[in-house]
N, C-alpha and C. Protein backbone atom coordinates (compact mmCIF):
# COMPACT_ATOMS: atom_id res chain seq x y z
N MET A 1 -46.92 -6.34 -82.12
CA MET A 1 -47.29 -5.07 -83.35
C MET A 1 -48.06 -5.11 -84.00
N ASN A 2 -49.11 -4.44 -83.97
CA ASN A 2 -50.48 -4.17 -84.48
C ASN A 2 -49.93 -3.96 -86.37
N ASN A 3 -50.71 -3.82 -87.35
CA ASN A 3 -50.35 -3.43 -88.53
C ASN A 3 -50.09 -2.00 -88.56
N LEU A 4 -50.55 -1.32 -87.63
CA LEU A 4 -50.83 0.39 -88.00
C LEU A 4 -49.37 0.91 -87.74
N ARG A 5 -49.39 0.34 -86.45
CA ARG A 5 -48.25 0.48 -85.78
C ARG A 5 -46.89 0.20 -86.90
N GLN A 6 -46.95 -0.99 -87.64
CA GLN A 6 -45.61 -1.39 -87.89
C GLN A 6 -45.59 -0.35 -89.46
N LYS A 7 -46.55 -0.15 -89.71
CA LYS A 7 -46.87 0.70 -91.19
C LYS A 7 -46.54 2.07 -90.52
N LEU A 8 -46.66 2.67 -89.64
CA LEU A 8 -46.11 3.74 -89.11
C LEU A 8 -45.06 4.13 -89.19
N GLU A 9 -44.49 2.77 -88.15
CA GLU A 9 -42.42 2.94 -88.26
C GLU A 9 -42.30 2.84 -89.73
N GLN A 10 -42.50 2.27 -90.21
CA GLN A 10 -41.63 1.70 -91.76
C GLN A 10 -42.39 3.18 -92.48
N GLN A 11 -42.94 4.28 -92.48
CA GLN A 11 -43.22 4.99 -93.25
C GLN A 11 -42.27 6.10 -92.42
N LEU A 12 -41.95 6.30 -91.21
CA LEU A 12 -41.12 7.15 -90.61
C LEU A 12 -39.70 6.82 -90.75
N ALA A 13 -39.70 5.97 -90.91
CA ALA A 13 -37.71 5.27 -91.48
C ALA A 13 -37.71 5.73 -92.53
N GLU A 14 -38.16 5.73 -92.78
CA GLU A 14 -37.90 6.44 -94.89
C GLU A 14 -37.70 7.97 -94.74
N ILE A 15 -38.03 8.67 -93.38
CA ILE A 15 -37.89 10.34 -93.15
C ILE A 15 -36.43 10.46 -93.09
N SER A 16 -36.09 11.45 -94.22
CA SER A 16 -34.74 11.56 -94.17
C SER A 16 -33.92 12.14 -92.64
N GLY A 17 -32.97 11.68 -92.03
CA GLY A 17 -32.77 12.00 -90.97
C GLY A 17 -33.19 11.84 -89.63
N LEU A 18 -34.34 11.27 -90.03
CA LEU A 18 -34.85 10.48 -88.63
C LEU A 18 -34.73 9.02 -88.65
N GLU A 19 -34.36 9.00 -87.02
CA GLU A 19 -34.07 7.78 -86.74
C GLU A 19 -34.92 7.14 -85.51
N LEU A 20 -34.98 5.98 -85.88
CA LEU A 20 -35.60 5.08 -85.05
C LEU A 20 -34.53 4.08 -84.27
N SER A 21 -34.87 4.25 -82.59
CA SER A 21 -34.05 3.14 -82.12
C SER A 21 -34.62 2.88 -80.45
N LEU A 22 -34.25 2.00 -79.89
CA LEU A 22 -34.74 1.92 -78.88
C LEU A 22 -34.30 2.62 -77.56
N TYR A 23 -34.94 3.07 -76.68
CA TYR A 23 -34.18 3.88 -75.44
C TYR A 23 -33.56 3.47 -74.76
N LYS A 24 -32.02 3.57 -74.50
CA LYS A 24 -31.35 2.29 -73.49
C LYS A 24 -31.78 1.01 -73.43
N ASP A 25 -31.29 0.32 -72.48
CA ASP A 25 -32.04 -0.69 -72.34
C ASP A 25 -33.38 -1.47 -72.01
N THR A 26 -33.96 -0.53 -72.90
CA THR A 26 -35.79 -0.53 -72.95
C THR A 26 -36.15 -1.37 -74.06
N ASP A 27 -37.61 -1.56 -74.34
CA ASP A 27 -38.56 -1.58 -75.57
C ASP A 27 -39.05 -0.66 -76.00
N LEU A 28 -38.69 0.96 -75.48
CA LEU A 28 -39.20 1.85 -75.70
C LEU A 28 -38.81 2.40 -77.11
N LEU A 29 -39.55 2.64 -77.97
CA LEU A 29 -39.15 2.99 -79.37
C LEU A 29 -39.00 4.51 -79.45
N CYS A 30 -37.77 5.20 -79.79
CA CYS A 30 -38.15 6.30 -79.92
C CYS A 30 -37.28 7.02 -81.41
N MET A 31 -37.74 8.01 -81.59
CA MET A 31 -37.45 8.92 -82.85
C MET A 31 -36.38 9.92 -82.31
N GLN A 32 -36.12 10.05 -83.20
CA GLN A 32 -34.54 11.15 -83.04
C GLN A 32 -34.49 11.60 -84.20
N PHE A 33 -34.08 13.38 -84.03
CA PHE A 33 -34.10 13.66 -85.24
C PHE A 33 -32.84 14.98 -84.62
N ASN A 34 -32.01 14.84 -85.95
CA ASN A 34 -30.44 15.59 -85.28
C ASN A 34 -29.83 15.24 -83.91
N GLY A 35 -30.27 14.11 -83.50
CA GLY A 35 -29.55 13.90 -82.25
C GLY A 35 -30.91 13.67 -81.14
N LYS A 36 -31.82 14.89 -81.03
CA LYS A 36 -32.40 14.90 -80.35
C LYS A 36 -33.92 14.26 -80.13
N GLU A 37 -34.23 13.51 -79.19
CA GLU A 37 -35.76 12.86 -79.66
C GLU A 37 -36.63 13.91 -79.43
N ILE A 38 -37.35 13.33 -80.65
CA ILE A 38 -38.67 14.18 -80.67
C ILE A 38 -39.93 13.42 -80.56
N ALA A 39 -40.01 11.69 -80.50
CA ALA A 39 -41.11 11.37 -80.41
C ALA A 39 -40.79 10.26 -79.45
N HIS A 40 -42.10 9.38 -79.05
CA HIS A 40 -41.36 7.97 -78.46
C HIS A 40 -42.64 7.15 -78.79
N PHE A 41 -42.97 5.58 -78.93
CA PHE A 41 -44.18 4.87 -78.86
C PHE A 41 -44.41 4.99 -77.83
N HIS A 42 -45.84 4.78 -77.40
CA HIS A 42 -46.42 3.76 -76.13
C HIS A 42 -47.06 2.38 -76.55
N ASN A 43 -46.12 1.84 -75.69
CA ASN A 43 -46.39 0.09 -76.33
C ASN A 43 -47.78 -0.38 -75.92
N GLY A 44 -48.33 -0.84 -76.68
CA GLY A 44 -49.70 -1.14 -76.48
C GLY A 44 -50.90 -0.64 -76.57
N LEU A 45 -50.39 0.72 -77.18
CA LEU A 45 -51.70 1.92 -77.54
C LEU A 45 -50.98 2.39 -79.16
N PRO A 46 -52.04 2.82 -79.30
CA PRO A 46 -51.56 3.57 -80.55
C PRO A 46 -51.90 4.76 -80.55
N GLU A 47 -50.37 5.29 -79.98
CA GLU A 47 -49.94 6.67 -79.48
C GLU A 47 -48.60 7.18 -79.58
N LEU A 48 -48.28 8.32 -80.37
CA LEU A 48 -46.90 8.38 -80.59
C LEU A 48 -46.92 9.79 -79.90
N ASP A 49 -45.97 9.52 -78.29
CA ASP A 49 -45.97 10.81 -77.82
C ASP A 49 -44.87 11.56 -78.47
N THR A 50 -45.53 12.66 -79.21
CA THR A 50 -44.67 14.02 -79.80
C THR A 50 -44.04 15.29 -79.11
N ARG A 51 -42.69 16.21 -79.11
CA ARG A 51 -42.68 17.22 -78.91
C ARG A 51 -42.94 17.71 -79.86
N ILE A 52 -44.14 19.00 -79.38
CA ILE A 52 -44.58 19.51 -80.62
C ILE A 52 -44.56 21.14 -79.60
N PRO A 53 -44.04 22.07 -80.58
CA PRO A 53 -43.86 23.39 -79.66
C PRO A 53 -45.42 24.06 -79.95
N GLN A 54 -45.20 24.57 -78.73
CA GLN A 54 -47.30 25.17 -78.67
C GLN A 54 -47.41 25.94 -79.99
N LYS A 55 -46.57 26.75 -80.44
CA LYS A 55 -47.05 27.81 -82.01
C LYS A 55 -47.33 26.55 -83.25
N PHE A 56 -46.57 25.57 -83.26
CA PHE A 56 -46.73 24.71 -84.13
C PHE A 56 -48.18 24.32 -84.24
N ALA A 57 -48.66 23.73 -82.81
CA ALA A 57 -49.78 23.29 -82.40
C ALA A 57 -50.88 24.12 -82.66
N LYS A 58 -50.65 25.40 -82.19
CA LYS A 58 -52.07 26.29 -82.49
C LYS A 58 -51.94 26.66 -84.29
N ARG A 59 -50.40 27.09 -84.73
CA ARG A 59 -50.29 26.98 -86.30
C ARG A 59 -51.30 25.99 -87.27
N HIS A 60 -51.14 24.54 -86.70
CA HIS A 60 -51.85 23.74 -87.09
C HIS A 60 -53.34 23.32 -86.49
N GLN A 61 -53.76 23.91 -85.35
CA GLN A 61 -55.18 23.49 -85.17
C GLN A 61 -55.13 22.39 -84.19
N LEU A 62 -53.90 21.62 -83.91
CA LEU A 62 -54.07 20.82 -82.99
C LEU A 62 -54.96 20.23 -81.85
N GLY A 63 -55.41 21.30 -81.30
CA GLY A 63 -56.73 21.03 -80.17
C GLY A 63 -55.89 21.05 -78.97
N GLU A 64 -56.85 21.10 -77.83
CA GLU A 64 -56.27 20.70 -76.68
C GLU A 64 -55.75 19.06 -77.00
N PRO A 65 -54.13 19.05 -76.09
CA PRO A 65 -53.69 17.86 -75.82
C PRO A 65 -54.46 16.37 -75.31
N TYR A 66 -54.23 15.30 -75.85
CA TYR A 66 -55.07 13.97 -75.54
C TYR A 66 -54.52 13.63 -74.16
N ARG A 67 -55.11 12.74 -73.55
CA ARG A 67 -55.00 12.48 -72.16
C ARG A 67 -54.85 11.25 -72.41
N SER A 68 -53.19 10.81 -71.90
CA SER A 68 -52.94 9.32 -72.23
C SER A 68 -52.81 8.99 -70.88
N THR A 69 -53.38 7.15 -70.92
CA THR A 69 -53.00 6.94 -69.68
C THR A 69 -52.03 6.71 -69.34
N ARG A 70 -50.91 6.49 -70.13
CA ARG A 70 -49.59 6.98 -69.60
C ARG A 70 -49.20 8.41 -69.09
N HIS A 71 -49.85 9.19 -69.53
CA HIS A 71 -49.59 10.41 -68.83
C HIS A 71 -50.86 11.33 -68.13
N PRO A 72 -51.59 10.82 -67.43
CA PRO A 72 -52.94 11.07 -67.36
C PRO A 72 -52.84 12.80 -66.31
N ASN A 73 -51.78 13.20 -65.82
CA ASN A 73 -51.38 14.67 -65.48
C ASN A 73 -50.75 15.25 -66.30
N ARG A 74 -50.73 14.88 -67.36
CA ARG A 74 -49.32 15.97 -68.28
C ARG A 74 -50.20 17.54 -68.01
N SER A 75 -49.64 18.36 -68.08
CA SER A 75 -50.38 19.68 -68.54
C SER A 75 -50.32 19.85 -69.50
N LYS A 76 -51.63 20.63 -69.78
CA LYS A 76 -51.99 21.17 -71.06
C LYS A 76 -50.80 22.20 -71.92
N ASN A 77 -50.01 22.73 -70.93
CA ASN A 77 -49.10 23.81 -71.83
C ASN A 77 -47.81 22.94 -72.10
N SER A 78 -47.55 21.52 -71.60
CA SER A 78 -46.22 20.66 -72.14
C SER A 78 -46.19 20.95 -73.62
N ILE A 79 -44.70 20.88 -73.85
CA ILE A 79 -44.47 20.69 -75.72
C ILE A 79 -44.64 19.05 -75.86
N TRP A 80 -44.90 18.07 -74.79
CA TRP A 80 -45.36 16.66 -75.35
C TRP A 80 -46.67 16.24 -75.53
N ARG A 81 -47.42 16.21 -76.95
CA ARG A 81 -47.99 15.79 -77.26
C ARG A 81 -48.48 14.41 -77.57
N ILE A 82 -49.45 13.71 -77.38
CA ILE A 82 -49.87 12.50 -77.77
C ILE A 82 -50.68 12.58 -79.09
N LEU A 83 -50.31 11.93 -80.33
CA LEU A 83 -50.87 11.45 -81.41
C LEU A 83 -51.42 10.57 -81.86
N THR A 84 -52.98 10.00 -81.69
CA THR A 84 -53.24 8.60 -81.70
C THR A 84 -53.32 8.61 -83.45
N TYR A 85 -53.12 7.17 -83.16
CA TYR A 85 -53.46 6.55 -85.15
C TYR A 85 -54.59 5.29 -84.67
N ASN A 86 -55.85 5.21 -85.67
CA ASN A 86 -56.32 3.84 -84.93
C ASN A 86 -56.99 3.58 -86.53
N SER A 87 -56.60 4.41 -87.93
CA SER A 87 -57.26 3.83 -89.17
C SER A 87 -55.36 4.24 -90.43
N GLU A 88 -55.66 3.44 -91.14
CA GLU A 88 -54.49 3.46 -91.83
C GLU A 88 -54.54 5.50 -92.88
N GLN A 89 -55.46 5.83 -92.94
CA GLN A 89 -55.83 7.19 -92.64
C GLN A 89 -55.10 7.94 -91.87
N ASP A 90 -54.95 7.73 -90.80
CA ASP A 90 -54.72 8.43 -89.41
C ASP A 90 -52.84 8.41 -89.30
N VAL A 91 -52.66 6.93 -90.08
CA VAL A 91 -51.09 7.04 -90.05
C VAL A 91 -50.27 7.81 -90.99
N ASP A 92 -51.04 7.69 -92.12
CA ASP A 92 -50.71 8.90 -93.46
C ASP A 92 -50.98 10.30 -92.75
N ASP A 93 -51.78 10.65 -92.32
CA ASP A 93 -52.05 11.89 -91.96
C ASP A 93 -50.91 12.30 -90.53
N LEU A 94 -50.46 11.19 -89.87
CA LEU A 94 -49.75 11.39 -88.80
C LEU A 94 -48.25 11.62 -89.54
N VAL A 95 -48.00 10.92 -90.55
CA VAL A 95 -46.29 11.04 -91.28
C VAL A 95 -46.46 12.16 -91.91
N VAL A 96 -48.06 12.96 -92.45
CA VAL A 96 -47.64 14.52 -92.93
C VAL A 96 -47.08 15.06 -91.77
N LEU A 97 -47.89 15.49 -90.71
CA LEU A 97 -47.38 15.87 -89.86
C LEU A 97 -46.39 16.18 -89.21
N ILE A 98 -45.63 15.13 -89.04
CA ILE A 98 -44.30 14.68 -88.79
C ILE A 98 -43.81 15.44 -89.63
N LYS A 99 -43.36 15.17 -90.77
CA LYS A 99 -42.88 15.72 -91.88
C LYS A 99 -42.92 17.33 -91.98
N LYS A 100 -44.04 17.91 -91.72
CA LYS A 100 -44.39 19.62 -91.31
C LYS A 100 -43.86 19.72 -90.19
N LEU A 101 -43.74 19.15 -89.01
CA LEU A 101 -42.88 19.32 -87.85
C LEU A 101 -41.45 19.18 -88.28
N LEU A 102 -40.79 18.38 -88.75
CA LEU A 102 -39.56 18.60 -88.62
C LEU A 102 -39.12 19.93 -89.79
N ALA A 103 -39.62 19.81 -90.71
CA ALA A 103 -39.31 20.84 -91.59
C ALA A 103 -39.65 22.76 -90.83
N GLU A 104 -40.61 23.03 -89.91
CA GLU A 104 -40.90 24.24 -89.70
C GLU A 104 -40.44 24.52 -88.05
N GLU A 105 -40.44 22.68 -87.41
CA GLU A 105 -39.18 23.50 -86.12
C GLU A 105 -38.12 22.81 -85.46
N TYR A 106 -37.77 21.84 -86.43
CA TYR A 106 -36.18 20.94 -86.62
C TYR A 106 -35.26 21.23 -87.49
């Protein structure tokens, strides 16, 4: 696991009500909030596949969904959106965005 993902996991684990756990018998790390999966990491890629309602995406100007190699044909209308992190600033920004998402939508 790279340092950025490790930092992101640590910061997310500190958010009240957010749980990080493996999906069933896999190595897919998922995030749950109030018992509902809201995101999961793509192993080997700096990506967090996140459930983001369209209104939230528009309100926060998230732009077009990123095309991941894991989901190349995902509809641009999908509630699932790939969030990438390639620097420490990206990690910090992503944590802020997740906190806003939880406060506004969940």
